[in-house]
């Protein structure tokens, strides 16, 4: 599962979930469209596999980042 976020900076607090996708290409299309023409906004695409940490939070790894 791929989760697409937009963010104003590198802080976790500025991330906004845009959508979840099963296909990487669909996630990337959404991410690029979300920041297209918007200065200072960036996208982050994370992949999750359903595993959780000891706090019950999904473990995600960043697979793509980009600037708008």
PDB file of N, CA and C in Angstrom:
ATOM      1  N   UNK A   1       0.859  -1.173   0.000  1.00  0.00           N
ATOM      2  CA  UNK A   1       0.000   0.000   0.000  1.00  0.00           C
ATOM      3  C   UNK A   1       0.902   1.232   0.000  1.00  0.00           C
ATOM      4  N   UNK A   2       0.572   2.192  -0.837  1.00  0.00           N
ATOM      5  CA  UNK A   2       1.328   3.431  -0.934  1.00  0.00           C
ATOM      6  C   UNK A   2       0.474   4.590  -0.424  1.00  0.00           C
ATOM      7  N   UNK A   3       1.047   5.405   0.435  1.00  0.00           N
ATOM      8  CA  UNK A   3       0.362   6.579   0.957  1.00  0.00           C
ATOM      9  C   UNK A   3       1.044   7.818   0.405  1.00  0.00           C
ATOM     10  N   UNK A   4       0.228   8.772  -0.082  1.00  0.00           N
ATOM     11  CA  UNK A   4       0.744  10.004  -0.667  1.00  0.00           C
ATOM     12  C   UNK A   4       0.431  11.160   0.276  1.00  0.00           C
ATOM     13  N   UNK A   5       1.461  11.939   0.589  1.00  0.00           N
ATOM     14  CA  UNK A   5       1.336  13.094   1.470  1.00  0.00           C
ATOM     15  C   UNK A   5       1.857  14.336   0.761  1.00  0.00           C
ATOM     16  N   UNK A   6       1.336  15.500   1.132  1.00  0.00           N
ATOM     17  CA  UNK A   6       1.954  16.774   0.771  1.00  0.00           C
ATOM     18  C   UNK A   6       2.471  17.381   2.065  1.00  0.00           C
ATOM     19  N   UNK A   7       3.510  18.204   1.933  1.00  0.00           N
ATOM     20  CA  UNK A   7       4.110  18.825   3.111  1.00  0.00           C
ATOM     21  C   UNK A   7       4.722  20.159   2.734  1.00  0.00           C
ATOM     22  N   UNK A   8       4.721  21.087   3.698  1.00  0.00           N
ATOM     23  CA  UNK A   8       5.333  22.394   3.481  1.00  0.00           C
ATOM     24  C   UNK A   8       6.812  22.382   3.815  1.00  0.00           C
ATOM     25  N   UNK A   9       7.211  21.503   4.713  1.00  0.00           N
ATOM     26  CA  UNK A   9       8.613  21.389   5.091  1.00  0.00           C
ATOM     27  C   UNK A   9       8.897  19.937   5.457  1.00  0.00           C
ATOM     28  N   UNK A  10      10.030  19.669   6.045  1.00  0.00           N
ATOM     29  CA  UNK A  10      10.425  18.288   6.353  1.00  0.00           C
ATOM     30  C   UNK A  10       9.857  17.767   7.670  1.00  0.00           C
ATOM     31  N   UNK A  11       9.090  18.585   8.376  1.00  0.00           N
ATOM     32  CA  UNK A  11       8.552  18.155   9.664  1.00  0.00           C
ATOM     33  C   UNK A  11       7.371  17.203   9.477  1.00  0.00           C
ATOM     34  N   UNK A  12       7.258  16.255  10.392  1.00  0.00           N
ATOM     35  CA  UNK A  12       6.147  15.303  10.363  1.00  0.00           C
ATOM     36  C   UNK A  12       4.805  15.998  10.570  1.00  0.00           C
ATOM     37  N   UNK A  13       4.806  17.119  11.269  1.00  0.00           N
ATOM     38  CA  UNK A  13       3.566  17.819  11.581  1.00  0.00           C
ATOM     39  C   UNK A  13       2.954  18.515  10.369  1.00  0.00           C
ATOM     40  N   UNK A  14       3.745  18.761   9.338  1.00  0.00           N
ATOM     41  CA  UNK A  14       3.213  19.465   8.176  1.00  0.00           C
ATOM     42  C   UNK A  14       2.676  18.521   7.107  1.00  0.00           C
ATOM     43  N   UNK A  15       2.751  17.202   7.336  1.00  0.00           N
ATOM     44  CA  UNK A  15       2.288  16.234   6.343  1.00  0.00           C
ATOM     45  C   UNK A  15       0.766  16.148   6.331  1.00  0.00           C
ATOM     46  N   UNK A  16       0.199  16.149   5.107  1.00  0.00           N
ATOM     47  CA  UNK A  16      -1.241  15.971   4.911  1.00  0.00           C
ATOM     48  C   UNK A  16      -1.462  14.791   3.992  1.00  0.00           C
ATOM     49  N   UNK A  17      -2.246  13.812   4.445  1.00  0.00           N
ATOM     50  CA  UNK A  17      -2.530  12.630   3.637  1.00  0.00           C
ATOM     51  C   UNK A  17      -3.426  13.011   2.471  1.00  0.00           C
ATOM     52  N   UNK A  18      -2.994  12.662   1.262  1.00  0.00           N
ATOM     53  CA  UNK A  18      -3.765  12.934   0.051  1.00  0.00           C
ATOM     54  C   UNK A  18      -4.543  11.698  -0.375  1.00  0.00           C
ATOM     55  N   UNK A  19      -3.918  10.528  -0.299  1.00  0.00           N
ATOM     56  CA  UNK A  19      -4.613   9.305  -0.699  1.00  0.00           C
ATOM     57  C   UNK A  19      -3.776   8.063  -0.478  1.00  0.00           C
ATOM     58  N   UNK A  20      -4.425   6.907  -0.616  1.00  0.00           N
ATOM     59  CA  UNK A  20      -3.775   5.609  -0.498  1.00  0.00           C
ATOM     60  C   UNK A  20      -4.018   4.843  -1.784  1.00  0.00           C
ATOM     61  N   UNK A  21      -2.987   4.177  -2.269  1.00  0.00           N
ATOM     62  CA  UNK A  21      -3.064   3.477  -3.539  1.00  0.00           C
ATOM     63  C   UNK A  21      -2.378   2.131  -3.437  1.00  0.00           C
ATOM     64  N   UNK A  22      -2.874   1.159  -4.208  1.00  0.00           N
ATOM     65  CA  UNK A  22      -2.222  -0.144  -4.273  1.00  0.00           C
ATOM     66  C   UNK A  22      -1.133  -0.145  -5.335  1.00  0.00           C
ATOM     67  N   UNK A  23      -1.254   0.738  -6.326  1.00  0.00           N
ATOM     68  CA  UNK A  23      -0.325   0.788  -7.439  1.00  0.00           C
ATOM     69  C   UNK A  23       0.639   1.967  -7.290  1.00  0.00           C
ATOM     70  N   UNK A  24       1.932   1.710  -7.453  1.00  0.00           N
ATOM     71  CA  UNK A  24       2.950   2.743  -7.305  1.00  0.00           C
ATOM     72  C   UNK A  24       2.776   3.850  -8.345  1.00  0.00           C
ATOM     73  N   UNK A  25       2.486   3.488  -9.587  1.00  0.00           N
ATOM     74  CA  UNK A  25       2.344   4.488 -10.650  1.00  0.00           C
ATOM     75  C   UNK A  25       1.173   5.432 -10.387  1.00  0.00           C
ATOM     76  N   UNK A  26       0.068   4.906  -9.879  1.00  0.00           N
ATOM     77  CA  UNK A  26      -1.083   5.754  -9.530  1.00  0.00           C
ATOM     78  C   UNK A  26      -0.714   6.702  -8.393  1.00  0.00           C
ATOM     79  N   UNK A  27       0.032   6.207  -7.419  1.00  0.00           N
ATOM     80  CA  UNK A  27       0.450   7.036  -6.289  1.00  0.00           C
ATOM     81  C   UNK A  27       1.343   8.173  -6.775  1.00  0.00           C
ATOM     82  N   UNK A  28       2.272   7.884  -7.671  1.00  0.00           N
ATOM     83  CA  UNK A  28       3.168   8.906  -8.191  1.00  0.00           C
ATOM     84  C   UNK A  28       2.416   9.942  -9.029  1.00  0.00           C
ATOM     85  N   UNK A  29       1.460   9.505  -9.830  1.00  0.00           N
ATOM     86  CA  UNK A  29       0.650  10.450 -10.609  1.00  0.00           C
ATOM     87  C   UNK A  29      -0.094  11.410  -9.695  1.00  0.00           C
ATOM     88  N   UNK A  30      -0.695  10.876  -8.643  1.00  0.00           N
ATOM     89  CA  UNK A  30      -1.426  11.701  -7.676  1.00  0.00           C
ATOM     90  C   UNK A  30      -0.484  12.677  -6.990  1.00  0.00           C
ATOM     91  N   UNK A  31       0.682  12.203  -6.581  1.00  0.00           N
ATOM     92  CA  UNK A  31       1.653  13.044  -5.873  1.00  0.00           C
ATOM     93  C   UNK A  31       2.110  14.203  -6.742  1.00  0.00           C
ATOM     94  N   UNK A  32       2.440  13.921  -7.989  1.00  0.00           N
ATOM     95  CA  UNK A  32       2.926  14.966  -8.885  1.00  0.00           C
ATOM     96  C   UNK A  32       1.841  15.993  -9.199  1.00  0.00           C
ATOM     97  N   UNK A  33       0.607  15.532  -9.364  1.00  0.00           N
ATOM     98  CA  UNK A  33      -0.504  16.463  -9.625  1.00  0.00           C
ATOM     99  C   UNK A  33      -0.807  17.321  -8.407  1.00  0.00           C
ATOM    100  N   UNK A  34      -0.621  16.778  -7.213  1.00  0.00           N
ATOM    101  CA  UNK A  34      -0.937  17.500  -5.978  1.00  0.00           C
ATOM    102  C   UNK A  34      -0.029  18.699  -5.760  1.00  0.00           C
ATOM    103  N   UNK A  35       1.208  18.639  -6.239  1.00  0.00           N
ATOM    104  CA  UNK A  35       2.144  19.737  -6.003  1.00  0.00           C
ATOM    105  C   UNK A  35       2.440  20.547  -7.266  1.00  0.00           C
ATOM    106  N   UNK A  36       1.859  20.158  -8.367  1.00  0.00           N
ATOM    107  CA  UNK A  36       2.131  20.824  -9.640  1.00  0.00           C
ATOM    108  C   UNK A  36       1.793  22.316  -9.578  1.00  0.00           C
ATOM    109  N   UNK A  37       2.790  23.142  -9.843  1.00  0.00           N
ATOM    110  CA  UNK A  37       2.600  24.588  -9.865  1.00  0.00           C
ATOM    111  C   UNK A  37       2.509  25.256  -8.504  1.00  0.00           C
ATOM    112  N   UNK A  38       2.719  24.525  -7.433  1.00  0.00           N
ATOM    113  CA  UNK A  38       2.611  25.078  -6.079  1.00  0.00           C
ATOM    114  C   UNK A  38       4.005  25.208  -5.477  1.00  0.00           C
ATOM    115  N   UNK A  39       4.457  26.435  -5.337  1.00  0.00           N
ATOM    116  CA  UNK A  39       5.791  26.698  -4.799  1.00  0.00           C
ATOM    117  C   UNK A  39       5.821  26.414  -3.303  1.00  0.00           C
ATOM    118  N   UNK A  40       6.879  25.743  -2.854  1.00  0.00           N
ATOM    119  CA  UNK A  40       7.049  25.468  -1.428  1.00  0.00           C
ATOM    120  C   UNK A  40       6.345  24.223  -0.947  1.00  0.00           C
ATOM    121  N   UNK A  41       5.561  23.575  -1.806  1.00  0.00           N
ATOM    122  CA  UNK A  41       4.866  22.346  -1.414  1.00  0.00           C
ATOM    123  C   UNK A  41       5.628  21.163  -2.002  1.00  0.00           C
ATOM    124  N   UNK A  42       5.779  20.110  -1.227  1.00  0.00           N
ATOM    125  CA  UNK A  42       6.463  18.925  -1.701  1.00  0.00           C
ATOM    126  C   UNK A  42       5.620  17.694  -1.444  1.00  0.00           C
ATOM    127  N   UNK A  43       5.923  16.616  -2.137  1.00  0.00           N
ATOM    128  CA  UNK A  43       5.192  15.370  -1.898  1.00  0.00           C
ATOM    129  C   UNK A  43       6.114  14.325  -1.295  1.00  0.00           C
ATOM    130  N   UNK A  44       5.484  13.400  -0.568  1.00  0.00           N
ATOM    131  CA  UNK A  44       6.181  12.261   0.022  1.00  0.00           C
ATOM    132  C   UNK A  44       5.317  11.037  -0.246  1.00  0.00           C
ATOM    133  N   UNK A  45       5.919   9.999  -0.810  1.00  0.00           N
ATOM    134  CA  UNK A  45       5.215   8.737  -1.037  1.00  0.00           C
ATOM    135  C   UNK A  45       5.857   7.700  -0.134  1.00  0.00           C
ATOM    136  N   UNK A  46       5.030   7.077   0.703  1.00  0.00           N
ATOM    137  CA  UNK A  46       5.510   6.061   1.635  1.00  0.00           C
ATOM    138  C   UNK A  46       4.856   4.726   1.319  1.00  0.00           C
ATOM    139  N   UNK A  47       5.599   3.656   1.537  1.00  0.00           N
ATOM    140  CA  UNK A  47       5.068   2.314   1.338  1.00  0.00           C
ATOM    141  C   UNK A  47       4.903   1.637   2.696  1.00  0.00           C
ATOM    142  N   UNK A  48       3.747   1.032   2.898  1.00  0.00           N
ATOM    143  CA  UNK A  48       3.492   0.283   4.129  1.00  0.00           C
ATOM    144  C   UNK A  48       3.192  -1.169   3.761  1.00  0.00           C
ATOM    145  N   UNK A  49       3.524  -2.067   4.666  1.00  0.00           N
ATOM    146  CA  UNK A  49       3.263  -3.480   4.392  1.00  0.00           C
ATOM    147  C   UNK A  49       2.322  -4.093   5.432  1.00  0.00           C
ATOM    148  N   UNK A  50       1.721  -3.267   6.269  1.00  0.00           N
ATOM    149  CA  UNK A  50       0.777  -3.763   7.260  1.00  0.00           C
ATOM    150  C   UNK A  50       1.385  -4.043   8.620  1.00  0.00           C
ATOM    151  N   UNK A  51       2.703  -3.993   8.732  1.00  0.00           N
ATOM    152  CA  UNK A  51       3.368  -4.227  10.021  1.00  0.00           C
ATOM    153  C   UNK A  51       3.252  -2.979  10.893  1.00  0.00           C
ATOM    154  N   UNK A  52       3.141  -3.184  12.193  1.00  0.00           N
ATOM    155  CA  UNK A  52       3.042  -2.072  13.138  1.00  0.00           C
ATOM    156  C   UNK A  52       4.162  -2.155  14.163  1.00  0.00           C
ATOM    157  N   UNK A  53       4.492  -1.005  14.745  1.00  0.00           N
ATOM    158  CA  UNK A  53       5.509  -0.980  15.796  1.00  0.00           C
ATOM    159  C   UNK A  53       4.852  -1.242  17.151  1.00  0.00           C
ATOM    160  N   UNK A  54       5.609  -1.124  18.219  1.00  0.00           N
ATOM    161  CA  UNK A  54       5.093  -1.429  19.556  1.00  0.00           C
ATOM    162  C   UNK A  54       4.025  -0.434  20.014  1.00  0.00           C
ATOM    163  N   UNK A  55       3.903   0.710  19.324  1.00  0.00           N
ATOM    164  CA  UNK A  55       2.875   1.705  19.655  1.00  0.00           C
ATOM    165  C   UNK A  55       1.614   1.524  18.815  1.00  0.00           C
ATOM    166  N   UNK A  56       1.606   0.546  17.918  1.00  0.00           N
ATOM    167  CA  UNK A  56       0.454   0.306  17.073  1.00  0.00           C
ATOM    168  C   UNK A  56       0.411   1.177  15.831  1.00  0.00           C
ATOM    169  N   UNK A  57       1.520   1.870  15.538  1.00  0.00           N
ATOM    170  CA  UNK A  57       1.592   2.724  14.356  1.00  0.00           C
ATOM    171  C   UNK A  57       2.150   1.923  13.184  1.00  0.00           C
ATOM    172  N   UNK A  58       1.607   2.162  11.979  1.00  0.00           N
ATOM    173  CA  UNK A  58       2.114   1.495  10.794  1.00  0.00           C
ATOM    174  C   UNK A  58       3.567   1.859  10.539  1.00  0.00           C
ATOM    175  N   UNK A  59       4.347   0.870  10.166  1.00  0.00           N
ATOM    176  CA  UNK A  59       5.736   1.116   9.794  1.00  0.00           C
ATOM    177  C   UNK A  59       5.752   1.429   8.307  1.00  0.00           C
ATOM    178  N   UNK A  60       6.270   2.593   7.961  1.00  0.00           N
ATOM    179  CA  UNK A  60       6.298   3.031   6.567  1.00  0.00           C
ATOM    180  C   UNK A  60       7.712   3.405   6.172  1.00  0.00           C
ATOM    181  N   UNK A  61       8.019   3.181   4.908  1.00  0.00           N
ATOM    182  CA  UNK A  61       9.315   3.622   4.385  1.00  0.00           C
ATOM    183  C   UNK A  61       9.066   4.551   3.208  1.00  0.00           C
ATOM    184  N   UNK A  62       9.839   5.629   3.151  1.00  0.00           N
ATOM    185  CA  UNK A  62       9.703   6.616   2.086  1.00  0.00           C
ATOM    186  C   UNK A  62      10.284   6.021   0.802  1.00  0.00           C
ATOM    187  N   UNK A  63       9.478   6.025  -0.274  1.00  0.00           N
ATOM    188  CA  UNK A  63       9.949   5.510  -1.550  1.00  0.00           C
ATOM    189  C   UNK A  63      10.158   6.616  -2.575  1.00  0.00           C
ATOM    190  N   UNK A  64       9.577   7.796  -2.337  1.00  0.00           N
ATOM    191  CA  UNK A  64       9.767   8.921  -3.269  1.00  0.00           C
ATOM    192  C   UNK A  64       9.470  10.228  -2.568  1.00  0.00           C
ATOM    193  N   UNK A  65      10.233  11.261  -2.929  1.00  0.00           N
ATOM    194  CA  UNK A  65      10.018  12.619  -2.438  1.00  0.00           C
ATOM    195  C   UNK A  65      10.254  13.552  -3.600  1.00  0.00           C
ATOM    196  N   UNK A  66       9.526  14.663  -3.623  1.00  0.00           N
ATOM    197  CA  UNK A  66       9.730  15.622  -4.685  1.00  0.00           C
ATOM    198  C   UNK A  66       9.245  17.010  -4.323  1.00  0.00           C
ATOM    199  N   UNK A  67       9.718  17.979  -5.074  1.00  0.00           N
ATOM    200  CA  UNK A  67       9.338  19.388  -4.869  1.00  0.00           C
ATOM    201  C   UNK A  67       8.297  19.795  -5.896  1.00  0.00           C
ATOM    202  N   UNK A  68       7.490  20.754  -5.513  1.00  0.00           N
ATOM    203  CA  UNK A  68       6.470  21.279  -6.408  1.00  0.00           C
ATOM    204  C   UNK A  68       6.936  22.418  -7.239  1.00  0.00           C
TER     205      UNK A  68
END
